[in-house]
Amino acid sequence: MTRRGAILALWAACLIWGAAFPLTKLALRDASPMAFTATRFLVASLLLLPALGSIRAPEWRAGTLLGVLLALGFATQTIGLGFTTPSRSGFLTSLYIPFTPLIVVLLHRARPDRDALTGLAVAMGGMVLLTRPDTGTGLNRGDMLTVACALAFAAHLVATGAAARRYPVDRLMMAQIVVAAACTTLLTPLLETPRLHWTPLLTGMVAYEALLASLVAIRLQLTAQQVLAPTYAALVFSLEPLIAAGTSMLLTGDRLRPGQWAGGGLIILGCLWPELRSRFWSRVVTRS
């Protein structure tokens, strides 16, 4: 794949994932959150069934950790969408970008990078603005679950980076989807009374999440990151919450107030701060 093709692939993945926020919100009219999450992973697992025999035991072990984190991330995100708006969920989910280096620091007991801490502080300030509109309601239950989702996705990103250096990426992808399906299926009756009202809307949303959001988008991301550096990929991924906000306005009528848009902008700035700072500093050094 060429560099231009890799960039286009990431754009396509961002579009799929960004649009998934309001689409999931619509799907929750006809399904309970955990039942919907489990169903999307089960359908994706069935589509992968013919290829599962190629996965070896070490890849299953690595995929189990990834699958548990994936299940935790999507479960908290989907449940959170029942209590918050798709736009807020999109911006808050992107906190996984500044959370990721902090998890690396904790795992390796290294000294925190100043730019990473600055980016996190900016992003958290944006979260305050985003979740404290003129009414001053603050973080609601859905917002807090979405922040937990961002932590789970950050841990998943770190674990994926370690596992992908040892095992084939395609097999890890398949293993984690199957494990996520098992985890969410087992947890569903423990966390809720499952509800699935099979309307045409719900059927379409399950197909979208299983095919596009679970299989196609992940494959696009993996293929693109064979060409693009992770830091450049992060620049593209930061557009995902903007896509979520835009599609939410079109599909659900969700509107953010000016102060909330400012908060979302600060979250994106915090996500990009280490990369932007390093690029600016390298240009200054080069010119001097």
C-alpha atoms as a PDB file:
ATOM      1  CA  MET A   1       0.000   0.000   0.000  1.00  0.00           C
ATOM      2  CA  THR A   2       1.238   3.483  -0.879  1.00  0.00           C
ATOM      3  CA  ARG A   3       1.411   6.301   1.651  1.00  0.00           C
ATOM      4  CA  ARG A   4      -1.539   8.025  -0.018  1.00  0.00           C
ATOM      5  CA  GLY A   5      -3.525   4.791   0.112  1.00  0.00           C
ATOM      6  CA  ALA A   6      -2.676   4.364   3.801  1.00  0.00           C
ATOM      7  CA  ILE A   7      -3.906   7.884   4.590  1.00  0.00           C
ATOM      8  CA  LEU A   8      -7.136   7.228   2.690  1.00  0.00           C
ATOM      9  CA  ALA A   9      -7.559   3.940   4.584  1.00  0.00           C
ATOM     10  CA  LEU A  10      -7.276   5.743   7.926  1.00  0.00           C
ATOM     11  CA  TRP A  11      -9.737   8.373   6.752  1.00  0.00           C
ATOM     12  CA  ALA A  12     -12.186   5.602   5.890  1.00  0.00           C
ATOM     13  CA  ALA A  13     -11.673   3.963   9.300  1.00  0.00           C
ATOM     14  CA  CYS A  14     -12.236   7.312  11.062  1.00  0.00           C
ATOM     15  CA  LEU A  15     -15.421   7.850   9.079  1.00  0.00           C
ATOM     16  CA  ILE A  16     -16.730   4.385  10.007  1.00  0.00           C
ATOM     17  CA  TRP A  17     -15.901   4.748  13.708  1.00  0.00           C
ATOM     18  CA  GLY A  18     -17.037   8.361  13.956  1.00  0.00           C
ATOM     19  CA  ALA A  19     -20.424   7.596  12.412  1.00  0.00           C
ATOM     20  CA  ALA A  20     -20.798   4.619  14.774  1.00  0.00           C
ATOM     21  CA  PHE A  21     -21.475   6.929  17.752  1.00  0.00           C
ATOM     22  CA  PRO A  22     -24.867   8.296  16.598  1.00  0.00           C
ATOM     23  CA  LEU A  23     -25.733   5.002  14.894  1.00  0.00           C
ATOM     24  CA  THR A  24     -25.240   3.123  18.160  1.00  0.00           C
ATOM     25  CA  LYS A  25     -27.353   5.737  19.942  1.00  0.00           C
ATOM     26  CA  LEU A  26     -30.150   5.031  17.439  1.00  0.00           C
ATOM     27  CA  ALA A  27     -29.728   1.275  17.863  1.00  0.00           C
ATOM     28  CA  LEU A  28     -30.238   1.565  21.635  1.00  0.00           C
ATOM     29  CA  ARG A  29     -33.870   2.460  20.964  1.00  0.00           C
ATOM     30  CA  ASP A  30     -34.450  -1.197  20.086  1.00  0.00           C
ATOM     31  CA  ALA A  31     -31.810  -2.955  22.179  1.00  0.00           C
ATOM     32  CA  SER A  32     -30.245  -2.870  25.612  1.00  0.00           C
ATOM     33  CA  PRO A  33     -26.568  -1.799  25.577  1.00  0.00           C
ATOM     34  CA  MET A  34     -24.891  -5.077  26.529  1.00  0.00           C
ATOM     35  CA  ALA A  35     -27.167  -7.178  24.339  1.00  0.00           C
ATOM     36  CA  PHE A  36     -26.310  -4.955  21.372  1.00  0.00           C
ATOM     37  CA  THR A  37     -22.572  -5.101  22.128  1.00  0.00           C
ATOM     38  CA  ALA A  38     -22.592  -8.878  22.509  1.00  0.00           C
ATOM     39  CA  THR A  39     -24.588  -9.340  19.307  1.00  0.00           C
ATOM     40  CA  ARG A  40     -22.192  -7.261  17.197  1.00  0.00           C
ATOM     41  CA  PHE A  41     -19.213  -9.315  18.391  1.00  0.00           C
ATOM     42  CA  LEU A  42     -21.062 -12.621  17.980  1.00  0.00           C
ATOM     43  CA  VAL A  43     -21.969 -11.795  14.383  1.00  0.00           C
ATOM     44  CA  ALA A  44     -18.379 -10.735  13.670  1.00  0.00           C
ATOM     45  CA  SER A  45     -17.115 -13.982  15.237  1.00  0.00           C
ATOM     46  CA  LEU A  46     -19.414 -16.078  13.059  1.00  0.00           C
ATOM     47  CA  LEU A  47     -18.016 -14.352   9.986  1.00  0.00           C
ATOM     48  CA  LEU A  48     -14.494 -15.243  11.140  1.00  0.00           C
ATOM     49  CA  LEU A  49     -15.358 -18.860  11.987  1.00  0.00           C
ATOM     50  CA  PRO A  50     -13.760 -20.505   8.898  1.00  0.00           C
ATOM     51  CA  ALA A  51     -10.359 -18.968   9.707  1.00  0.00           C
ATOM     52  CA  LEU A  52     -10.244 -19.542  13.478  1.00  0.00           C
ATOM     53  CA  GLY A  53      -8.499 -22.915  13.142  1.00  0.00           C
ATOM     54  CA  SER A  54      -5.296 -21.153  12.087  1.00  0.00           C
ATOM     55  CA  ILE A  55      -4.891 -19.443  15.473  1.00  0.00           C
ATOM     56  CA  ARG A  56      -2.279 -21.072  17.707  1.00  0.00           C
ATOM     57  CA  ALA A  57      -2.292 -21.316  21.519  1.00  0.00           C
ATOM     58  CA  PRO A  58       0.138 -18.418  22.195  1.00  0.00           C
ATOM     59  CA  GLU A  59      -1.951 -16.191  19.913  1.00  0.00           C
ATOM     60  CA  TRP A  60      -5.098 -17.156  21.798  1.00  0.00           C
ATOM     61  CA  ARG A  61      -3.399 -16.215  25.089  1.00  0.00           C
ATOM     62  CA  ALA A  62      -2.371 -12.813  23.768  1.00  0.00           C
ATOM     63  CA  GLY A  63      -5.760 -12.352  22.119  1.00  0.00           C
ATOM     64  CA  THR A  64      -7.507 -13.078  25.412  1.00  0.00           C
ATOM     65  CA  LEU A  65      -6.026  -9.997  27.078  1.00  0.00           C
ATOM     66  CA  LEU A  66      -6.806  -7.882  24.032  1.00  0.00           C
ATOM     67  CA  GLY A  67     -10.339  -9.254  23.849  1.00  0.00           C
ATOM     68  CA  VAL A  68     -11.067  -8.539  27.514  1.00  0.00           C
ATOM     69  CA  LEU A  69      -9.895  -4.935  27.116  1.00  0.00           C
ATOM     70  CA  LEU A  70     -11.821  -4.576  23.858  1.00  0.00           C
ATOM     71  CA  ALA A  71     -14.982  -5.891  25.497  1.00  0.00           C
ATOM     72  CA  LEU A  72     -14.540  -3.573  28.472  1.00  0.00           C
ATOM     73  CA  GLY A  73     -14.001  -0.578  26.207  1.00  0.00           C
ATOM     74  CA  PHE A  74     -17.007  -1.149  23.976  1.00  0.00           C
ATOM     75  CA  ALA A  75     -19.268  -2.209  26.853  1.00  0.00           C
ATOM     76  CA  THR A  76     -18.613   0.953  28.881  1.00  0.00           C
ATOM     77  CA  GLN A  77     -18.856   3.102  25.752  1.00  0.00           C
ATOM     78  CA  THR A  78     -22.183   1.600  24.656  1.00  0.00           C
ATOM     79  CA  ILE A  79     -23.716   1.680  28.134  1.00  0.00           C
ATOM     80  CA  GLY A  80     -22.476   5.263  28.490  1.00  0.00           C
ATOM     81  CA  LEU A  81     -24.215   6.255  25.255  1.00  0.00           C
ATOM     82  CA  GLY A  82     -27.496   5.492  26.973  1.00  0.00           C
ATOM     83  CA  PHE A  83     -26.867   8.425  29.347  1.00  0.00           C
ATOM     84  CA  THR A  84     -24.868  10.928  27.287  1.00  0.00           C
ATOM     85  CA  THR A  85     -24.905  12.346  23.759  1.00  0.00           C
ATOM     86  CA  PRO A  86     -22.982  10.882  20.799  1.00  0.00           C
ATOM     87  CA  SER A  87     -20.978  14.103  20.408  1.00  0.00           C
ATOM     88  CA  ARG A  88     -19.813  14.113  24.004  1.00  0.00           C
ATOM     89  CA  SER A  89     -19.065  10.398  23.806  1.00  0.00           C
ATOM     90  CA  GLY A  90     -16.918  10.921  20.709  1.00  0.00           C
ATOM     91  CA  PHE A  91     -14.796  13.649  22.289  1.00  0.00           C
ATOM     92  CA  LEU A  92     -14.454  11.842  25.622  1.00  0.00           C
ATOM     93  CA  THR A  93     -13.480   8.567  23.947  1.00  0.00           C
ATOM     94  CA  SER A  94     -10.572  10.369  22.249  1.00  0.00           C
ATOM     95  CA  LEU A  95      -9.022  10.840  25.705  1.00  0.00           C
ATOM     96  CA  TYR A  96      -7.455   7.415  25.098  1.00  0.00           C
ATOM     97  CA  ILE A  97      -4.729   9.218  23.116  1.00  0.00           C
ATOM     98  CA  PRO A  98      -3.276  11.215  26.067  1.00  0.00           C
ATOM     99  CA  PHE A  99      -4.046   8.317  28.458  1.00  0.00           C
ATOM    100  CA  THR A 100      -1.875   5.920  26.436  1.00  0.00           C
ATOM    101  CA  PRO A 101       1.587   7.357  27.314  1.00  0.00           C
ATOM    102  CA  LEU A 102       0.616   7.495  30.986  1.00  0.00           C
ATOM    103  CA  ILE A 103      -0.160   3.774  30.967  1.00  0.00           C
ATOM    104  CA  VAL A 104       3.226   3.143  29.359  1.00  0.00           C
ATOM    105  CA  VAL A 105       4.854   5.209  32.107  1.00  0.00           C
ATOM    106  CA  LEU A 106       3.068   3.234  34.832  1.00  0.00           C
ATOM    107  CA  LEU A 107       3.960  -0.130  33.288  1.00  0.00           C
ATOM    108  CA  HIS A 108       7.638   0.700  32.825  1.00  0.00           C
ATOM    109  CA  ARG A 109       7.910   2.934  35.913  1.00  0.00           C
ATOM    110  CA  ALA A 110       9.519   5.588  33.764  1.00  0.00           C
ATOM    111  CA  ARG A 111       9.584   9.317  34.346  1.00  0.00           C
ATOM    112  CA  PRO A 112       6.506  11.005  32.808  1.00  0.00           C
ATOM    113  CA  ASP A 113       7.138  13.001  29.648  1.00  0.00           C
ATOM    114  CA  ARG A 114       6.438  16.690  30.212  1.00  0.00           C
ATOM    115  CA  ASP A 115       4.664  17.131  26.880  1.00  0.00           C
ATOM    116  CA  ALA A 116       2.460  14.103  27.563  1.00  0.00           C
ATOM    117  CA  LEU A 117       1.459  15.518  30.951  1.00  0.00           C
ATOM    118  CA  THR A 118       0.790  18.938  29.404  1.00  0.00           C
ATOM    119  CA  GLY A 119      -1.375  17.334  26.725  1.00  0.00           C
ATOM    120  CA  LEU A 120      -3.320  15.390  29.341  1.00  0.00           C
ATOM    121  CA  ALA A 121      -3.875  18.547  31.414  1.00  0.00           C
ATOM    122  CA  VAL A 122      -5.174  20.415  28.351  1.00  0.00           C
ATOM    123  CA  ALA A 123      -7.438  17.500  27.420  1.00  0.00           C
ATOM    124  CA  MET A 124      -8.826  17.229  30.956  1.00  0.00           C
ATOM    125  CA  GLY A 125      -9.526  20.971  30.938  1.00  0.00           C
ATOM    126  CA  GLY A 126     -11.424  20.414  27.712  1.00  0.00           C
ATOM    127  CA  MET A 127     -13.390  17.619  29.370  1.00  0.00           C
ATOM    128  CA  VAL A 128     -14.492  20.038  32.094  1.00  0.00           C
ATOM    129  CA  LEU A 129     -15.752  22.517  29.491  1.00  0.00           C
ATOM    130  CA  LEU A 130     -17.413  19.798  27.432  1.00  0.00           C
ATOM    131  CA  THR A 131     -19.276  18.277  30.360  1.00  0.00           C
ATOM    132  CA  ARG A 132     -20.114  21.523  32.161  1.00  0.00           C
ATOM    133  CA  PRO A 133     -22.439  23.437  29.856  1.00  0.00           C
ATOM    134  CA  ASP A 134     -24.372  26.519  30.978  1.00  0.00           C
ATOM    135  CA  THR A 135     -26.534  24.393  33.258  1.00  0.00           C
ATOM    136  CA  GLY A 136     -23.458  23.310  35.225  1.00  0.00           C
ATOM    137  CA  THR A 137     -24.559  19.674  35.401  1.00  0.00           C
ATOM    138  CA  GLY A 138     -21.007  18.309  35.274  1.00  0.00           C
ATOM    139  CA  LEU A 139     -20.077  14.738  34.489  1.00  0.00           C
ATOM    140  CA  ASN A 140     -23.073  12.443  34.206  1.00  0.00           C
ATOM    141  CA  ARG A 141     -23.079   8.661  34.490  1.00  0.00           C
ATOM    142  CA  GLY A 142     -22.607   8.227  30.753  1.00  0.00           C
ATOM    143  CA  ASP A 143     -19.642  10.623  30.675  1.00  0.00           C
ATOM    144  CA  MET A 144     -17.889   8.754  33.495  1.00  0.00           C
ATOM    145  CA  LEU A 145     -18.435   5.416  31.764  1.00  0.00           C
ATOM    146  CA  THR A 146     -17.006   6.911  28.569  1.00  0.00           C
ATOM    147  CA  VAL A 147     -13.888   8.094  30.399  1.00  0.00           C
ATOM    148  CA  ALA A 148     -13.531   4.511  31.683  1.00  0.00           C
ATOM    149  CA  CYS A 149     -13.927   3.389  28.082  1.00  0.00           C
ATOM    150  CA  ALA A 150     -11.044   5.695  27.065  1.00  0.00           C
ATOM    151  CA  LEU A 151      -8.840   4.117  29.743  1.00  0.00           C
ATOM    152  CA  ALA A 152      -9.728   0.631  28.477  1.00  0.00           C
ATOM    153  CA  PHE A 153      -8.953   1.592  24.884  1.00  0.00           C
ATOM    154  CA  ALA A 154      -5.633   3.148  25.966  1.00  0.00           C
ATOM    155  CA  ALA A 155      -4.675  -0.088  27.718  1.00  0.00           C
ATOM    156  CA  HIS A 156      -5.801  -2.021  24.645  1.00  0.00           C
ATOM    157  CA  LEU A 157      -3.571   0.139  22.426  1.00  0.00           C
ATOM    158  CA  VAL A 158      -0.544  -0.499  24.647  1.00  0.00           C
ATOM    159  CA  ALA A 159      -1.229  -4.243  24.834  1.00  0.00           C
ATOM    160  CA  THR A 160      -1.743  -4.407  21.070  1.00  0.00           C
ATOM    161  CA  GLY A 161       1.617  -2.714  20.464  1.00  0.00           C
ATOM    162  CA  ALA A 162       3.362  -5.353  22.577  1.00  0.00           C
ATOM    163  CA  ALA A 163       1.498  -8.341  21.115  1.00  0.00           C
ATOM    164  CA  ALA A 164       1.763  -7.226  17.490  1.00  0.00           C
ATOM    165  CA  ARG A 165       5.548  -7.406  17.696  1.00  0.00           C
ATOM    166  CA  ARG A 166       5.354 -11.112  18.513  1.00  0.00           C
ATOM    167  CA  TYR A 167       2.307 -12.507  16.711  1.00  0.00           C
ATOM    168  CA  PRO A 168       0.570 -12.121  13.321  1.00  0.00           C
ATOM    169  CA  VAL A 169      -1.782  -9.162  13.454  1.00  0.00           C
ATOM    170  CA  ASP A 170      -4.643 -10.868  11.598  1.00  0.00           C
ATOM    171  CA  ARG A 171      -4.712 -13.769  14.075  1.00  0.00           C
ATOM    172  CA  LEU A 172      -4.625 -11.393  17.030  1.00  0.00           C
ATOM    173  CA  MET A 173      -7.553  -9.491  15.537  1.00  0.00           C
ATOM    174  CA  MET A 174      -9.605 -12.658  15.138  1.00  0.00           C
ATOM    175  CA  ALA A 175      -8.758 -13.985  18.599  1.00  0.00           C
ATOM    176  CA  GLN A 176      -9.666 -10.760  20.369  1.00  0.00           C
ATOM    177  CA  ILE A 177     -13.006 -10.439  18.582  1.00  0.00           C
ATOM    178  CA  VAL A 178     -13.963 -13.986  19.596  1.00  0.00           C
ATOM    179  CA  VAL A 179     -12.894 -13.380  23.211  1.00  0.00           C
ATOM    180  CA  ALA A 180     -14.775 -10.067  23.261  1.00  0.00           C
ATOM    181  CA  ALA A 181     -17.876 -11.896  22.016  1.00  0.00           C
ATOM    182  CA  ALA A 182     -17.558 -14.461  24.812  1.00  0.00           C
ATOM    183  CA  CYS A 183     -16.982 -11.831  27.518  1.00  0.00           C
ATOM    184  CA  THR A 184     -19.870  -9.582  26.525  1.00  0.00           C
ATOM    185  CA  THR A 185     -22.225 -12.557  26.099  1.00  0.00           C
ATOM    186  CA  LEU A 186     -21.422 -13.863  29.582  1.00  0.00           C
ATOM    187  CA  LEU A 187     -21.721 -10.422  31.192  1.00  0.00           C
ATOM    188  CA  THR A 188     -24.980  -9.402  29.513  1.00  0.00           C
ATOM    189  CA  PRO A 189     -27.422 -11.277  31.810  1.00  0.00           C
ATOM    190  CA  LEU A 190     -25.409 -10.181  34.855  1.00  0.00           C
ATOM    191  CA  LEU A 191     -25.563  -6.469  34.038  1.00  0.00           C
ATOM    192  CA  GLU A 192     -29.004  -6.048  32.498  1.00  0.00           C
ATOM    193  CA  THR A 193     -32.208  -7.639  31.358  1.00  0.00           C
ATOM    194  CA  PRO A 194     -31.315  -8.312  27.709  1.00  0.00           C
ATOM    195  CA  ARG A 195     -33.561  -6.674  25.128  1.00  0.00           C
ATOM    196  CA  LEU A 196     -33.406  -7.058  21.350  1.00  0.00           C
ATOM    197  CA  HIS A 197     -36.347  -5.868  19.289  1.00  0.00           C
ATOM    198  CA  TRP A 198     -35.380  -6.886  15.767  1.00  0.00           C
ATOM    199  CA  THR A 199     -36.499  -3.908  13.739  1.00  0.00           C
ATOM    200  CA  PRO A 200     -34.937  -3.103  10.323  1.00  0.00           C
ATOM    201  CA  LEU A 201     -32.999  -0.297  12.049  1.00  0.00           C
ATOM    202  CA  LEU A 202     -31.462  -2.607  14.644  1.00  0.00           C
ATOM    203  CA  THR A 203     -30.633  -5.246  12.036  1.00  0.00           C
ATOM    204  CA  GLY A 204     -28.842  -2.641   9.945  1.00  0.00           C
ATOM    205  CA  MET A 205     -26.959  -1.260  12.945  1.00  0.00           C
ATOM    206  CA  VAL A 206     -25.766  -4.727  14.032  1.00  0.00           C
ATOM    207  CA  ALA A 207     -24.579  -5.391  10.476  1.00  0.00           C
ATOM    208  CA  TYR A 208     -22.799  -2.020  10.399  1.00  0.00           C
ATOM    209  CA  GLU A 209     -21.037  -2.611  13.712  1.00  0.00           C
ATOM    210  CA  ALA A 210     -20.101  -6.222  12.969  1.00  0.00           C
ATOM    211  CA  LEU A 211     -18.973  -5.799   9.379  1.00  0.00           C
ATOM    212  CA  LEU A 212     -17.697  -2.241   9.088  1.00  0.00           C
ATOM    213  CA  ALA A 213     -16.795  -1.131  12.619  1.00  0.00           C
ATOM    214  CA  SER A 214     -15.451  -4.489  13.867  1.00  0.00           C
ATOM    215  CA  LEU A 215     -13.870  -6.076  10.790  1.00  0.00           C
ATOM    216  CA  VAL A 216     -13.352  -3.594   7.961  1.00  0.00           C
ATOM    217  CA  ALA A 217     -12.202  -0.597  10.028  1.00  0.00           C
ATOM    218  CA  ILE A 218      -9.778  -2.635  12.136  1.00  0.00           C
ATOM    219  CA  ARG A 219      -8.340  -4.189   8.980  1.00  0.00           C
ATOM    220  CA  LEU A 220      -7.956  -0.737   7.394  1.00  0.00           C
ATOM    221  CA  GLN A 221      -6.176   0.523  10.493  1.00  0.00           C
ATOM    222  CA  LEU A 222      -3.766  -2.413  10.648  1.00  0.00           C
ATOM    223  CA  THR A 223      -2.953  -2.163   6.945  1.00  0.00           C
ATOM    224  CA  ALA A 224      -2.417   1.600   7.105  1.00  0.00           C
ATOM    225  CA  GLN A 225      -0.148   1.407  10.140  1.00  0.00           C
ATOM    226  CA  GLN A 226       2.193  -0.887   8.269  1.00  0.00           C
ATOM    227  CA  VAL A 227       3.029   2.220   6.217  1.00  0.00           C
ATOM    228  CA  LEU A 228       2.370   5.177   8.533  1.00  0.00           C
ATOM    229  CA  ALA A 229       4.077   5.925  11.835  1.00  0.00           C
ATOM    230  CA  PRO A 230       1.835   5.704  14.940  1.00  0.00           C
ATOM    231  CA  THR A 231       2.280   9.425  15.640  1.00  0.00           C
ATOM    232  CA  TYR A 232       1.022  10.342  12.176  1.00  0.00           C
ATOM    233  CA  ALA A 233      -1.854   7.884  12.532  1.00  0.00           C
ATOM    234  CA  ALA A 234      -2.822   9.636  15.783  1.00  0.00           C
ATOM    235  CA  LEU A 235      -3.116  12.911  13.871  1.00  0.00           C
ATOM    236  CA  VAL A 236      -5.712  11.309  11.606  1.00  0.00           C
ATOM    237  CA  PHE A 237      -7.528   9.556  14.456  1.00  0.00           C
ATOM    238  CA  SER A 238      -8.022  12.882  16.218  1.00  0.00           C
ATOM    239  CA  LEU A 239     -10.572  13.712  13.513  1.00  0.00           C
ATOM    240  CA  GLU A 240     -12.841  10.896  14.715  1.00  0.00           C
ATOM    241  CA  PRO A 241     -14.674  12.958  17.383  1.00  0.00           C
ATOM    242  CA  LEU A 242     -15.297  15.721  14.848  1.00  0.00           C
ATOM    243  CA  ILE A 243     -16.867  13.159  12.520  1.00  0.00           C
ATOM    244  CA  ALA A 244     -18.895  11.849  15.455  1.00  0.00           C
ATOM    245  CA  ALA A 245     -20.144  15.364  16.255  1.00  0.00           C
ATOM    246  CA  GLY A 246     -20.985  16.116  12.619  1.00  0.00           C
ATOM    247  CA  THR A 247     -22.834  12.864  11.983  1.00  0.00           C
ATOM    248  CA  SER A 248     -24.625  13.245  15.321  1.00  0.00           C
ATOM    249  CA  MET A 249     -26.019  16.601  14.223  1.00  0.00           C
ATOM    250  CA  LEU A 250     -27.258  15.047  10.975  1.00  0.00           C
ATOM    251  CA  LEU A 251     -28.639  11.783  12.352  1.00  0.00           C
ATOM    252  CA  THR A 252     -29.838  12.569  15.878  1.00  0.00           C
ATOM    253  CA  GLY A 253     -30.109  16.370  15.985  1.00  0.00           C
ATOM    254  CA  ASP A 254     -27.430  16.481  18.691  1.00  0.00           C
ATOM    255  CA  ARG A 255     -26.109  20.010  19.204  1.00  0.00           C
ATOM    256  CA  LEU A 256     -23.183  21.220  21.264  1.00  0.00           C
ATOM    257  CA  ARG A 257     -23.088  24.685  22.798  1.00  0.00           C
ATOM    258  CA  PRO A 258     -20.175  27.043  22.005  1.00  0.00           C
ATOM    259  CA  GLY A 259     -18.501  26.275  25.325  1.00  0.00           C
ATOM    260  CA  GLN A 260     -18.783  22.553  24.685  1.00  0.00           C
ATOM    261  CA  TRP A 261     -17.251  22.933  21.220  1.00  0.00           C
ATOM    262  CA  ALA A 262     -14.382  24.791  22.891  1.00  0.00           C
ATOM    263  CA  GLY A 263     -14.012  21.885  25.321  1.00  0.00           C
ATOM    264  CA  GLY A 264     -13.972  19.392  22.463  1.00  0.00           C
ATOM    265  CA  GLY A 265     -11.344  21.496  20.718  1.00  0.00           C
ATOM    266  CA  LEU A 266      -9.163  21.454  23.834  1.00  0.00           C
ATOM    267  CA  ILE A 267      -9.486  17.665  24.046  1.00  0.00           C
ATOM    268  CA  ILE A 268      -8.223  17.352  20.470  1.00  0.00           C
ATOM    269  CA  LEU A 269      -5.431  19.854  21.172  1.00  0.00           C
ATOM    270  CA  GLY A 270      -4.427  17.844  24.242  1.00  0.00           C
ATOM    271  CA  CYS A 271      -4.406  14.647  22.185  1.00  0.00           C
ATOM    272  CA  LEU A 272      -2.160  16.229  19.564  1.00  0.00           C
ATOM    273  CA  TRP A 273      -0.010  18.354  21.872  1.00  0.00           C
ATOM    274  CA  PRO A 274       3.071  16.069  22.128  1.00  0.00           C
ATOM    275  CA  GLU A 275       3.190  15.570  18.352  1.00  0.00           C
ATOM    276  CA  LEU A 276       2.594  19.233  17.516  1.00  0.00           C
ATOM    277  CA  ARG A 277       5.130  20.348  20.136  1.00  0.00           C
ATOM    278  CA  SER A 278       7.818  18.004  18.829  1.00  0.00           C
ATOM    279  CA  ARG A 279       7.244  19.065  15.211  1.00  0.00           C
ATOM    280  CA  PHE A 280       7.306  22.772  16.107  1.00  0.00           C
ATOM    281  CA  TRP A 281      10.437  22.343  18.214  1.00  0.00           C
ATOM    282  CA  SER A 282      12.238  20.349  15.502  1.00  0.00           C
ATOM    283  CA  ARG A 283      11.498  23.125  12.978  1.00  0.00           C
ATOM    284  CA  VAL A 284      12.819  25.783  15.358  1.00  0.00           C
ATOM    285  CA  VAL A 285      16.016  23.782  15.959  1.00  0.00           C
ATOM    286  CA  THR A 286      16.459  23.171  12.235  1.00  0.00           C
ATOM    287  CA  ARG A 287      16.054  26.862  11.366  1.00  0.00           C
ATOM    288  CA  SER A 288      18.408  27.966  14.103  1.00  0.00           C
END
